[in-house]
C-alpha atoms as a PDB file:
ATOM      1  CA  MET A   1     -70.002  94.786 -60.486  1.00  0.00           C
ATOM      2  CA  ALA A   2     -72.782  96.763 -58.784  1.00  0.00           C
ATOM      3  CA  LYS A   3     -75.889  95.465 -57.170  1.00  0.00           C
ATOM      4  CA  HIS A   4     -79.201  97.209 -56.572  1.00  0.00           C
ATOM      5  CA  CYS A   5     -82.003  95.936 -54.337  1.00  0.00           C
ATOM      6  CA  ASN A   6     -85.627  96.929 -54.650  1.00  0.00           C
ATOM      7  CA  SER A   7     -88.989  95.502 -53.589  1.00  0.00           C
ATOM      8  CA  LEU A   8     -90.210  95.898 -57.181  1.00  0.00           C
ATOM      9  CA  LEU A   9     -87.912  93.040 -58.167  1.00  0.00           C
ATOM     10  CA  ARG A  10     -89.699  90.487 -55.994  1.00  0.00           C
ATOM     11  CA  GLY A  11     -89.665  87.027 -57.522  1.00  0.00           C
ATOM     12  CA  LEU A  12     -87.640  87.892 -60.628  1.00  0.00           C
ATOM     13  CA  ARG A  13     -84.749  85.558 -61.493  1.00  0.00           C
ATOM     14  CA  GLY A  14     -82.373  85.158 -64.406  1.00  0.00           C
ATOM     15  CA  ARG A  15     -80.557  87.382 -66.886  1.00  0.00           C
ATOM     16  CA  ILE A  16     -81.714  89.984 -69.426  1.00  0.00           C
ATOM     17  CA  GLY A  17     -78.879  91.348 -71.544  1.00  0.00           C
ATOM     18  CA  ASN A  18     -76.119  92.303 -69.123  1.00  0.00           C
ATOM     19  CA  THR A  19     -78.504  92.509 -66.140  1.00  0.00           C
ATOM     20  CA  ILE A  20     -78.877  89.655 -63.645  1.00  0.00           C
ATOM     21  CA  PHE A  21     -81.834  89.204 -61.260  1.00  0.00           C
ATOM     22  CA  TYR A  22     -81.031  87.211 -58.117  1.00  0.00           C
ATOM     23  CA  ARG A  23     -81.774  86.644 -54.434  1.00  0.00           C
ATOM     24  CA  ASN A  24     -79.455  87.997 -51.722  1.00  0.00           C
ATOM     25  CA  GLY A  25     -80.606  86.866 -48.288  1.00  0.00           C
ATOM     26  CA  ASP A  26     -84.131  88.210 -47.915  1.00  0.00           C
ATOM     27  CA  GLN A  27     -83.788  90.760 -50.724  1.00  0.00           C
ATOM     28  CA  ASP A  28     -84.398  90.537 -54.463  1.00  0.00           C
ATOM     29  CA  CYS A  29     -81.608  92.300 -56.347  1.00  0.00           C
ATOM     30  CA  ILE A  30     -80.163  93.112 -59.742  1.00  0.00           C
ATOM     31  CA  ARG A  31     -76.583  93.539 -60.824  1.00  0.00           C
ATOM     32  CA  SER A  32     -74.765  94.201 -64.048  1.00  0.00           C
ATOM     33  CA  TYR A  33     -72.691  91.588 -65.839  1.00  0.00           C
ATOM     34  CA  PRO A  34     -69.816  93.608 -67.291  1.00  0.00           C
ATOM     35  CA  LEU A  35     -67.474  92.263 -69.918  1.00  0.00           C
ATOM     36  CA  GLU A  36     -64.775  94.462 -68.414  1.00  0.00           C
ATOM     37  CA  TYR A  37     -64.495  96.624 -65.347  1.00  0.00           C
ATOM     38  CA  HIS A  38     -66.274  99.981 -65.277  1.00  0.00           C
ATOM     39  CA  ASP A  39     -67.197 102.372 -62.486  1.00  0.00           C
ATOM     40  CA  ALA A  40     -70.611 101.118 -61.376  1.00  0.00           C
ATOM     41  CA  ASN A  41     -71.915 104.552 -60.458  1.00  0.00           C
ATOM     42  CA  THR A  42     -71.395 106.529 -63.614  1.00  0.00           C
ATOM     43  CA  PRO A  43     -74.349 108.719 -64.671  1.00  0.00           C
ATOM     44  CA  GLU A  44     -75.037 106.387 -67.576  1.00  0.00           C
ATOM     45  CA  GLN A  45     -75.193 103.293 -65.371  1.00  0.00           C
ATOM     46  CA  GLN A  46     -77.388 105.061 -62.840  1.00  0.00           C
ATOM     47  CA  LYS A  47     -79.699 106.047 -65.699  1.00  0.00           C
ATOM     48  CA  ASN A  48     -79.822 102.443 -66.933  1.00  0.00           C
ATOM     49  CA  ARG A  49     -80.741 101.167 -63.475  1.00  0.00           C
ATOM     50  CA  ALA A  50     -83.472 103.794 -63.163  1.00  0.00           C
ATOM     51  CA  HIS A  51     -84.781 102.802 -66.599  1.00  0.00           C
ATOM     52  CA  LEU A  52     -84.944  99.152 -65.610  1.00  0.00           C
ATOM     53  CA  THR A  53     -86.719  99.940 -62.331  1.00  0.00           C
ATOM     54  CA  VAL A  54     -89.409 101.887 -64.200  1.00  0.00           C
ATOM     55  CA  ALA A  55     -90.052  98.990 -66.591  1.00  0.00           C
ATOM     56  CA  LEU A  56     -90.195  96.550 -63.687  1.00  0.00           C
ATOM     57  CA  ARG A  57     -92.662  98.762 -61.833  1.00  0.00           C
ATOM     58  CA  PHE A  58     -95.060  98.566 -64.774  1.00  0.00           C
ATOM     59  CA  TYR A  59     -94.612  94.808 -65.093  1.00  0.00           C
ATOM     60  CA  GLN A  60     -95.420  94.345 -61.409  1.00  0.00           C
ATOM     61  CA  GLN A  61     -98.816  95.955 -62.068  1.00  0.00           C
ATOM     62  CA  LEU A  62     -99.521  93.440 -64.836  1.00  0.00           C
ATOM     63  CA  LYS A  63     -98.847  90.586 -62.435  1.00  0.00           C
ATOM     64  CA  GLU A  64    -101.964  91.531 -60.463  1.00  0.00           C
ATOM     65  CA  THR A  65    -104.210  90.922 -63.492  1.00  0.00           C
ATOM     66  CA  LEU A  66    -104.983  88.385 -66.211  1.00  0.00           C
ATOM     67  CA  LEU A  67    -102.088  89.899 -68.154  1.00  0.00           C
ATOM     68  CA  LYS A  68     -99.703  87.814 -66.065  1.00  0.00           C
ATOM     69  CA  GLU A  69    -101.139  84.714 -67.768  1.00  0.00           C
ATOM     70  CA  VAL A  70    -100.932  86.362 -71.188  1.00  0.00           C
ATOM     71  CA  TRP A  71     -97.172  86.852 -70.898  1.00  0.00           C
ATOM     72  CA  LYS A  72     -96.595  83.583 -69.064  1.00  0.00           C
ATOM     73  CA  SER A  73     -98.378  81.635 -71.810  1.00  0.00           C
ATOM     74  CA  GLU A  74     -96.374  83.151 -74.663  1.00  0.00           C
ATOM     75  CA  GLY A  75     -93.156  82.951 -72.660  1.00  0.00           C
ATOM     76  CA  HIS A  76     -93.726  79.227 -72.115  1.00  0.00           C
ATOM     77  CA  ARG A  77     -94.245  78.718 -75.829  1.00  0.00           C
ATOM     78  CA  LEU A  78     -90.959  80.511 -76.544  1.00  0.00           C
ATOM     79  CA  LYS A  79     -89.143  78.603 -73.768  1.00  0.00           C
ATOM     80  CA  THR A  80     -88.638  81.645 -71.575  1.00  0.00           C
ATOM     81  CA  ASN A  81     -90.663  83.294 -68.805  1.00  0.00           C
ATOM     82  CA  GLY A  82     -93.210  86.060 -68.809  1.00  0.00           C
ATOM     83  CA  TYR A  83     -91.139  88.851 -67.308  1.00  0.00           C
ATOM     84  CA  ALA A  84     -88.134  88.182 -69.563  1.00  0.00           C
ATOM     85  CA  LEU A  85     -90.373  88.283 -72.633  1.00  0.00           C
ATOM     86  CA  PHE A  86     -92.132  91.435 -71.433  1.00  0.00           C
ATOM     87  CA  MET A  87     -88.795  93.179 -70.897  1.00  0.00           C
ATOM     88  CA  LYS A  88     -87.536  92.106 -74.304  1.00  0.00           C
ATOM     89  CA  LYS A  89     -90.630  93.502 -76.023  1.00  0.00           C
ATOM     90  CA  ASN A  90     -91.232  96.621 -73.921  1.00  0.00           C
ATOM     91  CA  TYR A  91     -88.106  97.818 -72.127  1.00  0.00           C
ATOM     92  CA  HIS A  92     -87.443 100.447 -74.792  1.00  0.00           C
ATOM     93  CA  VAL A  93     -90.823 102.210 -74.385  1.00  0.00           C
ATOM     94  CA  PHE A  94     -90.106 103.345 -70.809  1.00  0.00           C
ATOM     95  CA  THR A  95     -87.932 106.251 -69.693  1.00  0.00           C
ATOM     96  CA  PRO A  96     -85.659 106.570 -66.639  1.00  0.00           C
ATOM     97  CA  GLU A  97     -87.877 109.475 -65.541  1.00  0.00           C
ATOM     98  CA  GLY A  98     -90.773 107.106 -64.896  1.00  0.00           C
ATOM     99  CA  LYS A  99     -92.860 107.589 -68.039  1.00  0.00           C
ATOM    100  CA  ILE A 100     -94.033 105.661 -71.085  1.00  0.00           C
ATOM    101  CA  ALA A 101     -92.304 107.253 -74.059  1.00  0.00           C
ATOM    102  CA  ASP A 102     -94.512 105.794 -76.801  1.00  0.00           C
ATOM    103  CA  PHE A 103     -97.828 104.130 -75.937  1.00  0.00           C
ATOM    104  CA  SER A 104     -98.265 102.891 -79.503  1.00  0.00           C
ATOM    105  CA  ARG A 105     -95.130 100.738 -79.186  1.00  0.00           C
ATOM    106  CA  LEU A 106     -96.115  99.268 -75.820  1.00  0.00           C
ATOM    107  CA  GLN A 107     -97.282  95.672 -76.255  1.00  0.00           C
ATOM    108  CA  ILE A 108     -99.965  94.532 -73.821  1.00  0.00           C
ATOM    109  CA  GLY A 109    -101.520  91.521 -75.547  1.00  0.00           C
ATOM    110  CA  ILE A 110     -99.227  88.923 -77.089  1.00  0.00           C
ATOM    111  CA  GLY A 111     -99.670  85.462 -78.526  1.00  0.00           C
ATOM    112  CA  ARG A 112    -100.260  83.327 -81.582  1.00  0.00           C
ATOM    113  CA  ARG A 113    -104.066  83.424 -81.584  1.00  0.00           C
ATOM    114  CA  GLN A 114    -105.299  84.960 -84.831  1.00  0.00           C
ATOM    115  CA  ASP A 115    -105.269  88.777 -84.749  1.00  0.00           C
ATOM    116  CA  VAL A 116    -108.545  90.540 -85.375  1.00  0.00           C
ATOM    117  CA  ASN A 117    -109.255  91.935 -88.858  1.00  0.00           C
ATOM    118  CA  ASN A 118    -110.213  95.547 -89.598  1.00  0.00           C
ATOM    119  CA  MET A 119    -110.965  96.673 -86.051  1.00  0.00           C
ATOM    120  CA  THR A 120    -112.194 100.263 -85.791  1.00  0.00           C
ATOM    121  CA  LEU A 121    -113.123 102.431 -82.826  1.00  0.00           C
ATOM    122  CA  SER A 122    -115.615 105.253 -82.349  1.00  0.00           C
ATOM    123  CA  ILE A 123    -116.692 107.172 -79.261  1.00  0.00           C
ATOM    124  CA  ASP A 124    -119.768 109.232 -78.403  1.00  0.00           C
ATOM    125  CA  PRO A 125    -120.021 112.404 -76.254  1.00  0.00           C
ATOM    126  CA  GLN A 126    -120.761 110.291 -73.150  1.00  0.00           C
ATOM    127  CA  ASP A 127    -117.418 108.454 -73.514  1.00  0.00           C
ATOM    128  CA  LYS A 128    -119.084 105.245 -74.688  1.00  0.00           C
ATOM    129  CA  VAL A 129    -116.681 103.360 -76.931  1.00  0.00           C
ATOM    130  CA  THR A 130    -117.828 101.165 -79.833  1.00  0.00           C
ATOM    131  CA  LEU A 131    -115.465  98.639 -81.399  1.00  0.00           C
ATOM    132  CA  GLN A 132    -116.222  96.917 -84.697  1.00  0.00           C
ATOM    133  CA  TRP A 133    -114.277  94.246 -86.557  1.00  0.00           C
ATOM    134  CA  ASP A 134    -114.570  91.438 -89.089  1.00  0.00           C
ATOM    135  CA  ASP A 135    -115.228  87.949 -87.789  1.00  0.00           C
ATOM    136  CA  ASN A 136    -112.311  85.868 -89.029  1.00  0.00           C
ATOM    137  CA  SER A 137    -113.086  82.780 -86.963  1.00  0.00           C
ATOM    138  CA  GLY A 138    -112.666  80.579 -90.017  1.00  0.00           C
ATOM    139  CA  SER A 139    -108.900  81.049 -89.687  1.00  0.00           C
ATOM    140  CA  PRO A 140    -106.954  78.103 -88.222  1.00  0.00           C
ATOM    141  CA  SER A 141    -106.079  79.801 -84.916  1.00  0.00           C
ATOM    142  CA  ALA A 142    -109.280  81.781 -84.384  1.00  0.00           C
ATOM    143  CA  LYS A 143    -112.554  80.573 -82.942  1.00  0.00           C
ATOM    144  CA  ALA A 144    -115.945  82.247 -82.911  1.00  0.00           C
ATOM    145  CA  THR A 145    -115.981  81.908 -79.112  1.00  0.00           C
ATOM    146  CA  ASP A 146    -112.728  83.797 -78.533  1.00  0.00           C
ATOM    147  CA  ARG A 147    -113.567  86.565 -76.095  1.00  0.00           C
ATOM    148  CA  LEU A 148    -112.606  90.209 -76.239  1.00  0.00           C
ATOM    149  CA  ILE A 149    -110.234  91.695 -73.657  1.00  0.00           C
ATOM    150  CA  VAL A 150    -109.658  95.441 -73.403  1.00  0.00           C
ATOM    151  CA  VAL A 151    -106.924  97.162 -71.417  1.00  0.00           C
ATOM    152  CA  VAL A 152    -107.108 100.908 -70.776  1.00  0.00           C
ATOM    153  CA  LEU A 153    -104.240 103.121 -69.628  1.00  0.00           C
ATOM    154  CA  TYR A 154    -105.437 106.563 -68.583  1.00  0.00           C
ATOM    155  CA  GLY A 155    -103.021 109.434 -69.083  1.00  0.00           C
ATOM    156  CA  ASN A 156    -103.115 110.516 -65.448  1.00  0.00           C
ATOM    157  CA  ARG A 157    -102.408 107.001 -64.119  1.00  0.00           C
ATOM    158  CA  SER A 158    -100.670 105.206 -66.942  1.00  0.00           C
ATOM    159  CA  PHE A 159     -98.946 102.700 -64.639  1.00  0.00           C
ATOM    160  CA  THR A 160    -102.304 101.410 -63.408  1.00  0.00           C
ATOM    161  CA  PRO A 161    -103.759  99.292 -66.228  1.00  0.00           C
ATOM    162  CA  VAL A 162    -107.528  98.850 -66.168  1.00  0.00           C
ATOM    163  CA  VAL A 163    -108.215  95.346 -67.502  1.00  0.00           C
ATOM    164  CA  LEU A 164    -111.720  94.732 -68.848  1.00  0.00           C
ATOM    165  CA  ASP A 165    -111.590  90.939 -69.001  1.00  0.00           C
ATOM    166  CA  LYS A 166    -115.242  90.252 -68.170  1.00  0.00           C
ATOM    167  CA  LEU A 167    -116.767  91.849 -71.251  1.00  0.00           C
ATOM    168  CA  PRO A 168    -119.499  89.640 -72.795  1.00  0.00           C
ATOM    169  CA  PHE A 169    -118.280  90.006 -76.385  1.00  0.00           C
ATOM    170  CA  LEU A 170    -116.944  87.262 -78.656  1.00  0.00           C
ATOM    171  CA  ARG A 171    -115.028  87.301 -81.911  1.00  0.00           C
ATOM    172  CA  GLU A 172    -118.171  86.283 -83.803  1.00  0.00           C
ATOM    173  CA  ASP A 173    -120.109  89.300 -82.461  1.00  0.00           C
ATOM    174  CA  GLU A 174    -118.163  91.791 -84.604  1.00  0.00           C
ATOM    175  CA  ILE A 175    -119.130  94.633 -82.271  1.00  0.00           C
ATOM    176  CA  ALA A 176    -118.573  95.606 -78.634  1.00  0.00           C
ATOM    177  CA  THR A 177    -119.318  98.602 -76.423  1.00  0.00           C
ATOM    178  CA  PHE A 178    -117.943  99.786 -73.107  1.00  0.00           C
ATOM    179  CA  SER A 179    -117.607 103.087 -71.254  1.00  0.00           C
ATOM    180  CA  LEU A 180    -114.493 104.964 -70.195  1.00  0.00           C
ATOM    181  CA  GLN A 181    -114.114 106.250 -66.650  1.00  0.00           C
ATOM    182  CA  ARG A 182    -112.105 109.452 -66.937  1.00  0.00           C
ATOM    183  CA  LYS A 183    -112.289 113.169 -66.342  1.00  0.00           C
ATOM    184  CA  LYS A 184    -112.552 115.584 -69.235  1.00  0.00           C
ATOM    185  CA  GLY A 185    -109.271 116.130 -71.025  1.00  0.00           C
ATOM    186  CA  ILE A 186    -107.589 112.922 -69.814  1.00  0.00           C
ATOM    187  CA  LYS A 187    -106.170 110.787 -72.622  1.00  0.00           C
ATOM    188  CA  ALA A 188    -106.983 107.088 -72.848  1.00  0.00           C
ATOM    189  CA  HIS A 189    -104.775 104.457 -74.467  1.00  0.00           C
ATOM    190  CA  ILE A 190    -106.718 101.331 -75.413  1.00  0.00           C
ATOM    191  CA  TYR A 191    -105.346  97.869 -76.210  1.00  0.00           C
ATOM    192  CA  CYS A 192    -107.738  95.224 -77.577  1.00  0.00           C
ATOM    193  CA  PHE A 193    -107.054  91.532 -78.119  1.00  0.00           C
ATOM    194  CA  PHE A 194    -108.766  88.132 -77.999  1.00  0.00           C
ATOM    195  CA  ALA A 195    -108.395  85.153 -75.664  1.00  0.00           C
ATOM    196  CA  SER A 196    -109.509  81.563 -75.946  1.00  0.00           C
ATOM    197  CA  GLN A 197    -112.283  80.529 -73.590  1.00  0.00           C
ATOM    198  CA  ASP A 198    -109.838  78.741 -71.292  1.00  0.00           C
ATOM    199  CA  ASP A 199    -107.455  81.747 -71.161  1.00  0.00           C
ATOM    200  CA  LYS A 200    -104.561  79.708 -72.542  1.00  0.00           C
ATOM    201  CA  TYR A 201    -104.166  81.322 -75.960  1.00  0.00           C
ATOM    202  CA  PHE A 202    -104.101  85.014 -76.856  1.00  0.00           C
ATOM    203  CA  SER A 203    -103.708  87.305 -79.844  1.00  0.00           C
ATOM    204  CA  ASN A 204    -101.554  90.383 -80.230  1.00  0.00           C
ATOM    205  CA  ASP A 205    -103.234  93.647 -79.332  1.00  0.00           C
ATOM    206  CA  LYS A 206    -104.687  96.446 -81.427  1.00  0.00           C
ATOM    207  CA  TYR A 207    -103.907  99.958 -80.120  1.00  0.00           C
ATOM    208  CA  PHE A 208    -106.122 103.070 -80.102  1.00  0.00           C
ATOM    209  CA  LYS A 209    -105.610 106.505 -78.586  1.00  0.00           C
ATOM    210  CA  LEU A 210    -108.484 108.720 -77.433  1.00  0.00           C
END
């Protein structure tokens, strides 16, 4: 039963699948929970540990932003915690080589707030983005005052999410604009969702690639 210690694991506790997060002295560690004995250093197990470390590295970046509350809120509703829920939803999109395999399958916004209807995106030559959508605030879990949150992952720094959580746009506005900050040729992956005014309730995200 192997253990692996890493500063990226700081504060994580519990079990995901056959992986256990725990504290050993002054170090945060992980170890496998095998059903039977296996060599702990096979290439496959080393690959699995590398895969997990990559996913954890991305999650640690979320913890420095409002996104920590997004996952914590939905985790609480589902009687789990934010990091366990994030790993359940997103572990598969990362690779052991330190990359995001499929940005369209990465979930950034999550929750039971009403999703937006018919959101579209356009961009002008100056990299100004325009979002448009239908106001569906008459739905039971959507309010006109829900505010727009945008998260951008740039292709050259995809593990550094840029969270635009101070945009002045509400669900009832049906339109929003913001500018990208990137060099020519750099891809941008954009995730848009809505939050209640008190930042307690969130919707799932809508993904765009530019």
